Amino acid sequence: MDTAPPAQAPAHHPDGRLDVDADTVRALLREQHPDLAELTLRRVEGGWGNRMWRLGEEHAVRLPRDRHTPACLANETRWLPELAPRLPLPVPVPRRDGLPGAGYPYPWAVFSWVPGEPADHAPVAPEHGPRSAEALADFLLALHRPAPADAPATTPRCGPLAPLAADVERRIAEFERTLHALAPGVRAEELRAVWTDALAAPAWSGPPVWLHSDLHPANVVVVDGALGGIVDFDSLGTGDPACDLSAAWLLLPPGADRHCLDRWRAAQPAGQRDATAATVRRARGWAVLRALVLLGIGHAGLHGLPGGKPTWGPAGRAALDAVLAHFRHPDG
């Protein structure tokens, strides 16, 4: 395949960060996948590591925006074809590879399009909470299987909680100073209690399992009010399943977290009650951390700061309310 010589990553940004416009995407397609080049091209808002464009009705073009993201994209294109067939919810599947060219410096890819509205814009409807809770539990159970030796390594996004303690304390302090108005009724000492309990829980002692590692509302889609798909496997990795189990509080409407946890518990091996309870405790710690991240990014969005997303604030508030309710009354 003949392509234009690759451009150099932007020297003015330490991470080689750039954006990708429609003309560049169209030129890349014409060079490398001309049969797709004239399909309708629509920019998809959101995303940080990748710029995404919807291509026609069935495809999505994902293009890394910095020099770190191509490695993540390579993980997706390597492993999603193996993982997707066993997953009970739609996920993006790689269909075409792309090379640097047309003035764009990084590898890129064409994936299948997963229809639906991001959950930070259209949350799961309360009447569809139980059904979505079962779908989420089934997805986690199908994904969380022991990973092979050459799978992506455990990262801070999906590993032990202890190394994150300083970051969580910083975020709780920030909540006390500036973010508490976005979550009235939530007290910092309660967040510390959940986090302290999560740190005290026995660590994961099983083999590293496959993880999405970034299950928050902008990375799932809702169809007709119910959970309809999981997207953005940019952080695909391996480690402790508690990392993903935190999605029970991050993605579902009030009360539905219990449906999810009950279905998940019922599938755990007999005789593993203590280990199962410990995983739930660690998952609540992950939920606090991720809810505080959502709240911080939502606050930045309300004030027009770079990287801010106003829709993430309400999602973070809802997650804090949900995980605190479970911590106060874990048995219902």
Protein backbone atom coordinates (compact mmCIF):
# COMPACT_ATOMS: atom_id res chain seq x y z
CA MET A 1 0.00 0.00 0.00
CA ASP A 2 1.43 3.39 -0.96
CA THR A 3 0.90 6.15 1.58
CA ALA A 4 2.25 9.60 2.14
CA PRO A 5 5.25 9.70 4.46
CA PRO A 6 4.22 10.02 8.11
CA ALA A 7 4.37 13.44 9.70
CA GLN A 8 6.28 14.07 12.89
CA ALA A 9 4.39 14.35 16.17
CA PRO A 10 3.94 18.02 17.15
CA ALA A 11 7.17 19.23 18.70
CA HIS A 12 5.46 22.09 20.55
CA HIS A 13 3.55 19.69 22.85
CA PRO A 14 5.49 17.37 25.20
CA ASP A 15 3.05 14.51 24.52
CA GLY A 16 2.78 15.15 20.80
CA ARG A 17 -0.87 16.06 21.34
CA LEU A 18 -2.98 17.11 18.38
CA ASP A 19 -6.52 17.16 17.06
CA VAL A 20 -7.70 15.52 13.84
CA ASP A 21 -9.99 17.32 11.40
CA ALA A 22 -12.36 15.88 8.81
CA ASP A 23 -10.06 16.66 5.89
CA THR A 24 -7.26 14.60 7.44
CA VAL A 25 -9.57 11.67 8.14
CA ARG A 26 -10.91 11.78 4.58
CA ALA A 27 -7.38 11.88 3.17
CA LEU A 28 -6.29 8.90 5.26
CA LEU A 29 -9.29 6.91 4.08
CA ARG A 30 -8.69 7.79 0.44
CA GLU A 31 -5.06 6.67 0.72
CA GLN A 32 -5.62 3.46 2.64
CA HIS A 33 -9.30 2.41 2.50
CA PRO A 34 -10.75 4.04 -0.61
CA ASP A 35 -13.90 1.89 -0.50
CA LEU A 36 -14.86 3.70 2.74
CA ALA A 37 -13.62 7.16 1.81
CA GLU A 38 -16.87 8.66 0.55
CA LEU A 39 -19.11 7.55 3.41
CA THR A 40 -20.64 10.27 5.57
CA LEU A 41 -18.20 11.52 8.20
CA ARG A 42 -19.46 12.95 11.49
CA ARG A 43 -17.35 14.08 14.42
CA VAL A 44 -18.14 12.35 17.72
CA GLU A 45 -17.77 14.56 20.76
CA GLY A 46 -15.95 13.27 23.81
CA GLY A 47 -12.90 11.15 24.26
CA TRP A 48 -9.47 12.23 25.40
CA GLY A 49 -6.89 9.80 24.09
CA ASN A 50 -8.58 9.29 20.73
CA ARG A 51 -10.48 11.56 18.36
CA MET A 52 -13.43 9.62 16.97
CA TRP A 53 -15.40 10.14 13.78
CA ARG A 54 -18.49 8.17 12.81
CA LEU A 55 -18.12 6.82 9.31
CA GLY A 56 -21.36 5.99 7.56
CA GLU A 57 -23.83 4.08 9.74
CA GLU A 58 -21.70 1.10 10.70
CA HIS A 59 -18.14 2.33 11.32
CA ALA A 60 -16.14 4.55 13.66
CA VAL A 61 -12.66 5.90 12.93
CA ARG A 62 -10.48 6.20 16.03
CA LEU A 63 -7.31 8.27 15.81
CA PRO A 64 -4.87 8.70 18.71
CA ARG A 65 -4.34 12.30 19.75
CA ASP A 66 -0.96 11.86 21.48
CA ARG A 67 2.08 9.62 21.35
CA HIS A 68 0.96 7.51 24.32
CA THR A 69 -2.39 6.35 22.93
CA PRO A 70 -1.22 4.20 19.97
CA ALA A 71 -0.09 1.52 22.42
CA CYS A 72 -3.59 1.46 23.90
CA LEU A 73 -5.11 1.26 20.44
CA ALA A 74 -2.81 -1.65 19.63
CA ASN A 75 -4.14 -3.50 22.70
CA GLU A 76 -7.70 -2.98 21.52
CA THR A 77 -7.04 -4.16 17.98
CA ARG A 78 -5.11 -7.16 19.29
CA TRP A 79 -7.52 -8.39 21.97
CA LEU A 80 -11.07 -7.18 21.25
CA PRO A 81 -11.59 -9.66 18.39
CA GLU A 82 -10.96 -12.44 20.93
CA LEU A 83 -12.98 -10.93 23.78
CA ALA A 84 -16.00 -9.58 21.89
CA PRO A 85 -17.62 -12.92 20.92
CA ARG A 86 -18.09 -13.91 24.56
CA LEU A 87 -19.45 -10.54 25.75
CA PRO A 88 -23.24 -10.21 26.06
CA LEU A 89 -23.35 -6.48 25.24
CA PRO A 90 -22.26 -4.82 21.99
CA VAL A 91 -18.66 -3.57 21.98
CA PRO A 92 -16.57 -1.93 19.23
CA VAL A 93 -14.74 -4.48 17.11
CA PRO A 94 -11.73 -3.47 14.96
CA ARG A 95 -12.35 -3.83 11.22
CA ARG A 96 -9.46 -2.06 9.48
CA ASP A 97 -5.96 -0.96 10.46
CA GLY A 98 -4.59 2.42 9.50
CA LEU A 99 -1.02 3.69 9.10
CA PRO A 100 0.45 7.17 9.58
CA GLY A 101 0.04 9.36 6.53
CA ALA A 102 -1.62 12.46 5.06
CA GLY A 103 0.22 14.59 7.62
CA TYR A 104 -1.03 12.48 10.53
CA PRO A 105 1.73 10.79 12.60
CA TYR A 106 0.12 7.85 14.43
CA PRO A 107 -1.41 4.45 13.63
CA TRP A 108 -5.23 4.50 13.67
CA ALA A 109 -8.11 2.08 13.11
CA VAL A 110 -11.67 1.63 11.89
CA PHE A 111 -14.02 -0.04 14.38
CA SER A 112 -17.63 -1.12 14.31
CA TRP A 113 -20.05 1.57 15.50
CA VAL A 114 -21.96 0.79 18.72
CA PRO A 115 -25.31 2.62 18.55
CA GLY A 116 -26.77 4.44 21.53
CA GLU A 117 -26.50 7.64 23.54
CA PRO A 118 -23.62 8.06 26.03
CA ALA A 119 -24.92 7.55 29.55
CA ASP A 120 -23.55 10.87 30.78
CA HIS A 121 -26.05 12.51 28.41
CA ALA A 122 -28.86 9.94 28.73
CA PRO A 123 -28.59 7.93 31.99
CA VAL A 124 -30.21 4.54 32.40
CA ALA A 125 -33.90 5.12 33.16
CA PRO A 126 -35.10 3.98 36.61
CA GLU A 127 -37.72 1.68 35.09
CA HIS A 128 -34.94 -0.09 33.19
CA GLY A 129 -32.62 -0.28 36.20
CA PRO A 130 -33.11 -3.97 37.07
CA ARG A 131 -32.73 -5.09 33.45
CA SER A 132 -29.63 -2.95 33.00
CA ALA A 133 -28.22 -4.21 36.31
CA GLU A 134 -28.51 -7.80 35.09
CA ALA A 135 -26.93 -6.86 31.76
CA LEU A 136 -24.00 -5.17 33.53
CA ALA A 137 -23.47 -8.12 35.88
CA ASP A 138 -23.53 -10.56 32.96
CA PHE A 139 -21.04 -8.41 31.06
CA LEU A 140 -18.64 -8.31 34.01
CA LEU A 141 -18.93 -12.05 34.60
CA ALA A 142 -18.21 -12.75 30.94
CA LEU A 143 -15.25 -10.37 30.79
CA HIS A 144 -13.62 -11.17 34.13
CA ARG A 145 -11.87 -14.38 33.20
CA PRO A 146 -8.18 -15.13 33.80
CA ALA A 147 -6.05 -13.39 31.21
CA PRO A 148 -3.21 -15.05 29.29
CA ALA A 149 0.42 -14.32 30.13
CA ASP A 150 0.83 -11.93 27.20
CA ALA A 151 -2.23 -9.83 28.08
CA PRO A 152 -1.70 -6.16 29.02
CA ALA A 153 -0.15 -5.78 32.46
CA THR A 154 -1.94 -4.51 35.52
CA THR A 155 -1.80 -0.71 35.74
CA PRO A 156 -2.73 1.80 38.47
CA ARG A 157 -6.20 1.96 36.88
CA CYS A 158 -6.89 -1.67 37.79
CA GLY A 159 -4.39 -2.70 40.45
CA PRO A 160 -4.14 -2.44 44.26
CA LEU A 161 -5.78 0.49 46.02
CA ALA A 162 -2.97 1.33 48.45
CA PRO A 163 -0.77 3.21 45.92
CA LEU A 164 -3.73 5.49 45.19
CA ALA A 165 -4.28 6.58 48.79
CA ALA A 166 -2.54 9.95 48.49
CA ASP A 167 -4.45 10.79 45.31
CA VAL A 168 -7.77 9.89 46.93
CA GLU A 169 -7.03 12.00 49.99
CA ARG A 170 -6.13 14.91 47.72
CA ARG A 171 -9.43 14.51 45.88
CA ILE A 172 -11.42 14.33 49.11
CA ALA A 173 -9.69 17.49 50.32
CA GLU A 174 -10.57 19.15 47.00
CA PHE A 175 -14.16 18.02 47.51
CA GLU A 176 -14.18 19.72 50.92
CA ARG A 177 -12.74 22.94 49.50
CA THR A 178 -14.52 23.44 46.19
CA LEU A 179 -16.74 20.56 45.05
CA HIS A 180 -19.08 19.94 47.98
CA ALA A 181 -21.65 22.35 46.52
CA LEU A 182 -22.09 19.93 43.61
CA ALA A 183 -23.01 17.11 46.00
CA PRO A 184 -24.95 18.61 48.92
CA GLY A 185 -25.58 16.16 51.69
CA VAL A 186 -22.37 14.23 51.01
CA ARG A 187 -19.86 14.60 53.83
CA ALA A 188 -16.14 14.18 53.34
CA GLU A 189 -15.81 12.03 56.45
CA GLU A 190 -18.22 9.52 54.94
CA LEU A 191 -16.11 9.32 51.79
CA ARG A 192 -13.03 8.72 53.93
CA ALA A 193 -14.87 5.97 55.80
CA VAL A 194 -15.72 4.15 52.56
CA TRP A 195 -12.17 4.54 51.30
CA THR A 196 -10.61 3.41 54.61
CA ASP A 197 -12.84 0.32 54.61
CA ALA A 198 -11.82 -0.47 51.02
CA LEU A 199 -8.12 -0.19 51.92
CA ALA A 200 -8.65 -2.51 54.89
CA ALA A 201 -10.29 -5.21 52.76
CA PRO A 202 -8.12 -8.20 51.84
CA ALA A 203 -6.38 -7.69 48.51
CA TRP A 204 -7.30 -9.64 45.39
CA SER A 205 -5.49 -12.98 45.56
CA GLY A 206 -6.75 -14.57 42.36
CA PRO A 207 -5.13 -14.45 38.93
CA PRO A 208 -5.28 -11.20 36.97
CA VAL A 209 -8.57 -11.11 35.07
CA TRP A 210 -9.53 -9.13 31.99
CA LEU A 211 -10.81 -5.64 32.82
CA HIS A 212 -12.30 -2.72 30.94
CA SER A 213 -10.72 -0.49 33.64
CA ASP A 214 -12.67 2.67 32.77
CA LEU A 215 -16.38 1.94 33.19
CA HIS A 216 -17.96 5.33 33.70
CA PRO A 217 -21.04 6.92 32.09
CA ALA A 218 -19.25 8.39 29.06
CA ASN A 219 -17.94 4.94 28.15
CA VAL A 220 -21.26 3.12 27.94
CA VAL A 221 -24.27 3.75 25.72
CA VAL A 222 -27.98 3.65 26.49
CA VAL A 223 -30.61 2.39 24.05
CA ASP A 224 -34.30 3.00 24.75
CA GLY A 225 -33.50 3.83 28.37
CA ALA A 226 -31.48 0.68 29.11
CA LEU A 227 -27.80 -0.18 29.09
CA GLY A 228 -27.09 -0.98 25.44
CA GLY A 229 -23.34 -1.25 24.89
CA ILE A 230 -19.83 -0.75 26.27
CA VAL A 231 -17.37 1.44 24.38
CA ASP A 232 -13.85 2.87 24.66
CA PHE A 233 -11.61 -0.03 25.69
CA ASP A 234 -8.67 2.38 25.66
CA SER A 235 -7.69 1.23 29.17
CA LEU A 236 -8.16 -2.50 28.53
CA GLY A 237 -6.04 -4.32 31.07
CA THR A 238 -5.85 -7.02 33.71
CA GLY A 239 -6.01 -7.06 37.48
CA ASP A 240 -8.55 -6.93 40.31
CA PRO A 241 -12.23 -7.32 39.27
CA ALA A 242 -13.22 -4.81 41.97
CA CYS A 243 -12.01 -2.11 39.59
CA ASP A 244 -14.87 -2.84 37.15
CA LEU A 245 -17.42 -3.88 39.77
CA SER A 246 -17.48 -0.23 40.86
CA ALA A 247 -19.63 0.33 37.76
CA ALA A 248 -22.62 -0.91 39.79
CA TRP A 249 -22.67 2.51 41.46
CA LEU A 250 -21.32 4.56 38.57
CA LEU A 251 -23.71 3.47 35.81
CA LEU A 252 -27.03 2.41 37.32
CA PRO A 253 -30.02 4.34 38.74
CA PRO A 254 -30.72 4.34 42.50
CA GLY A 255 -31.27 0.87 43.92
CA ALA A 256 -30.26 -1.00 40.78
CA ASP A 257 -26.73 -1.51 42.13
CA ARG A 258 -28.16 -4.16 44.47
CA HIS A 259 -29.67 -6.12 41.56
CA CYS A 260 -26.27 -6.07 39.87
CA LEU A 261 -24.36 -7.15 42.97
CA ASP A 262 -26.85 -9.92 43.78
CA ARG A 263 -26.52 -11.40 40.29
CA TRP A 264 -22.73 -11.07 40.42
CA ARG A 265 -22.53 -12.71 43.88
CA ALA A 266 -24.74 -15.60 42.81
CA ALA A 267 -22.18 -16.53 40.14
CA GLN A 268 -19.17 -16.57 42.47
CA PRO A 269 -17.61 -19.91 43.46
CA ALA A 270 -19.06 -21.70 46.47
CA GLY A 271 -17.04 -21.20 49.62
CA GLN A 272 -15.73 -17.78 48.51
CA ARG A 273 -18.05 -15.64 50.62
CA ASP A 274 -15.26 -13.73 52.40
CA ALA A 275 -13.37 -13.07 49.15
CA THR A 276 -16.59 -11.94 47.48
CA ALA A 277 -17.36 -9.52 50.32
CA ALA A 278 -13.81 -8.15 50.14
CA THR A 279 -14.16 -7.51 46.40
CA VAL A 280 -17.35 -5.52 47.03
CA ARG A 281 -15.57 -3.46 49.69
CA ARG A 282 -12.68 -2.68 47.32
CA ALA A 283 -15.18 -1.87 44.56
CA ARG A 284 -16.80 0.77 46.77
CA GLY A 285 -13.38 2.39 47.18
CA TRP A 286 -12.95 2.45 43.40
CA ALA A 287 -16.43 3.97 43.08
CA VAL A 288 -15.54 6.81 45.46
CA LEU A 289 -12.35 7.59 43.55
CA ARG A 290 -14.05 7.55 40.16
CA ALA A 291 -17.05 9.53 41.34
CA LEU A 292 -14.72 12.24 42.66
CA VAL A 293 -12.94 12.31 39.29
CA LEU A 294 -16.30 12.72 37.53
CA LEU A 295 -17.27 15.47 39.94
CA GLY A 296 -13.99 17.33 39.39
CA ILE A 297 -14.23 17.15 35.60
CA GLY A 298 -17.87 18.24 35.81
CA HIS A 299 -16.91 21.22 37.96
CA ALA A 300 -14.25 22.23 35.42
CA GLY A 301 -16.86 21.98 32.65
CA LEU A 302 -19.27 24.27 34.49
CA HIS A 303 -16.50 26.87 34.69
CA GLY A 304 -15.34 26.48 31.09
CA LEU A 305 -11.94 25.06 32.00
CA PRO A 306 -9.95 22.88 29.57
CA GLY A 307 -10.95 19.23 29.69
CA GLY A 308 -14.12 19.97 31.62
CA LYS A 309 -17.37 18.13 30.83
CA PRO A 310 -20.51 19.52 32.50
CA THR A 311 -22.43 16.25 32.09
CA TRP A 312 -19.93 14.40 34.27
CA GLY A 313 -20.81 16.34 37.44
CA PRO A 314 -24.34 14.94 37.87
CA ALA A 315 -23.02 11.45 37.13
CA GLY A 316 -20.41 11.84 39.88
CA ARG A 317 -23.00 13.13 42.34
CA ALA A 318 -25.33 10.21 41.62
CA ALA A 319 -22.48 7.71 42.07
CA LEU A 320 -21.48 9.18 45.44
CA ASP A 321 -25.07 9.02 46.66
CA ALA A 322 -25.37 5.40 45.50
CA VAL A 323 -22.13 4.10 47.01
CA LEU A 324 -22.75 5.88 50.32
CA ALA A 325 -26.25 4.40 50.50
CA HIS A 326 -24.78 0.94 50.02
CA PHE A 327 -22.04 1.54 52.58
CA ARG A 328 -24.58 2.67 55.17
CA HIS A 329 -26.93 -0.24 54.50
CA PRO A 330 -25.02 -2.99 52.67
CA ASP A 331 -27.76 -5.56 53.24
CA GLY A 332 -30.56 -3.43 51.81
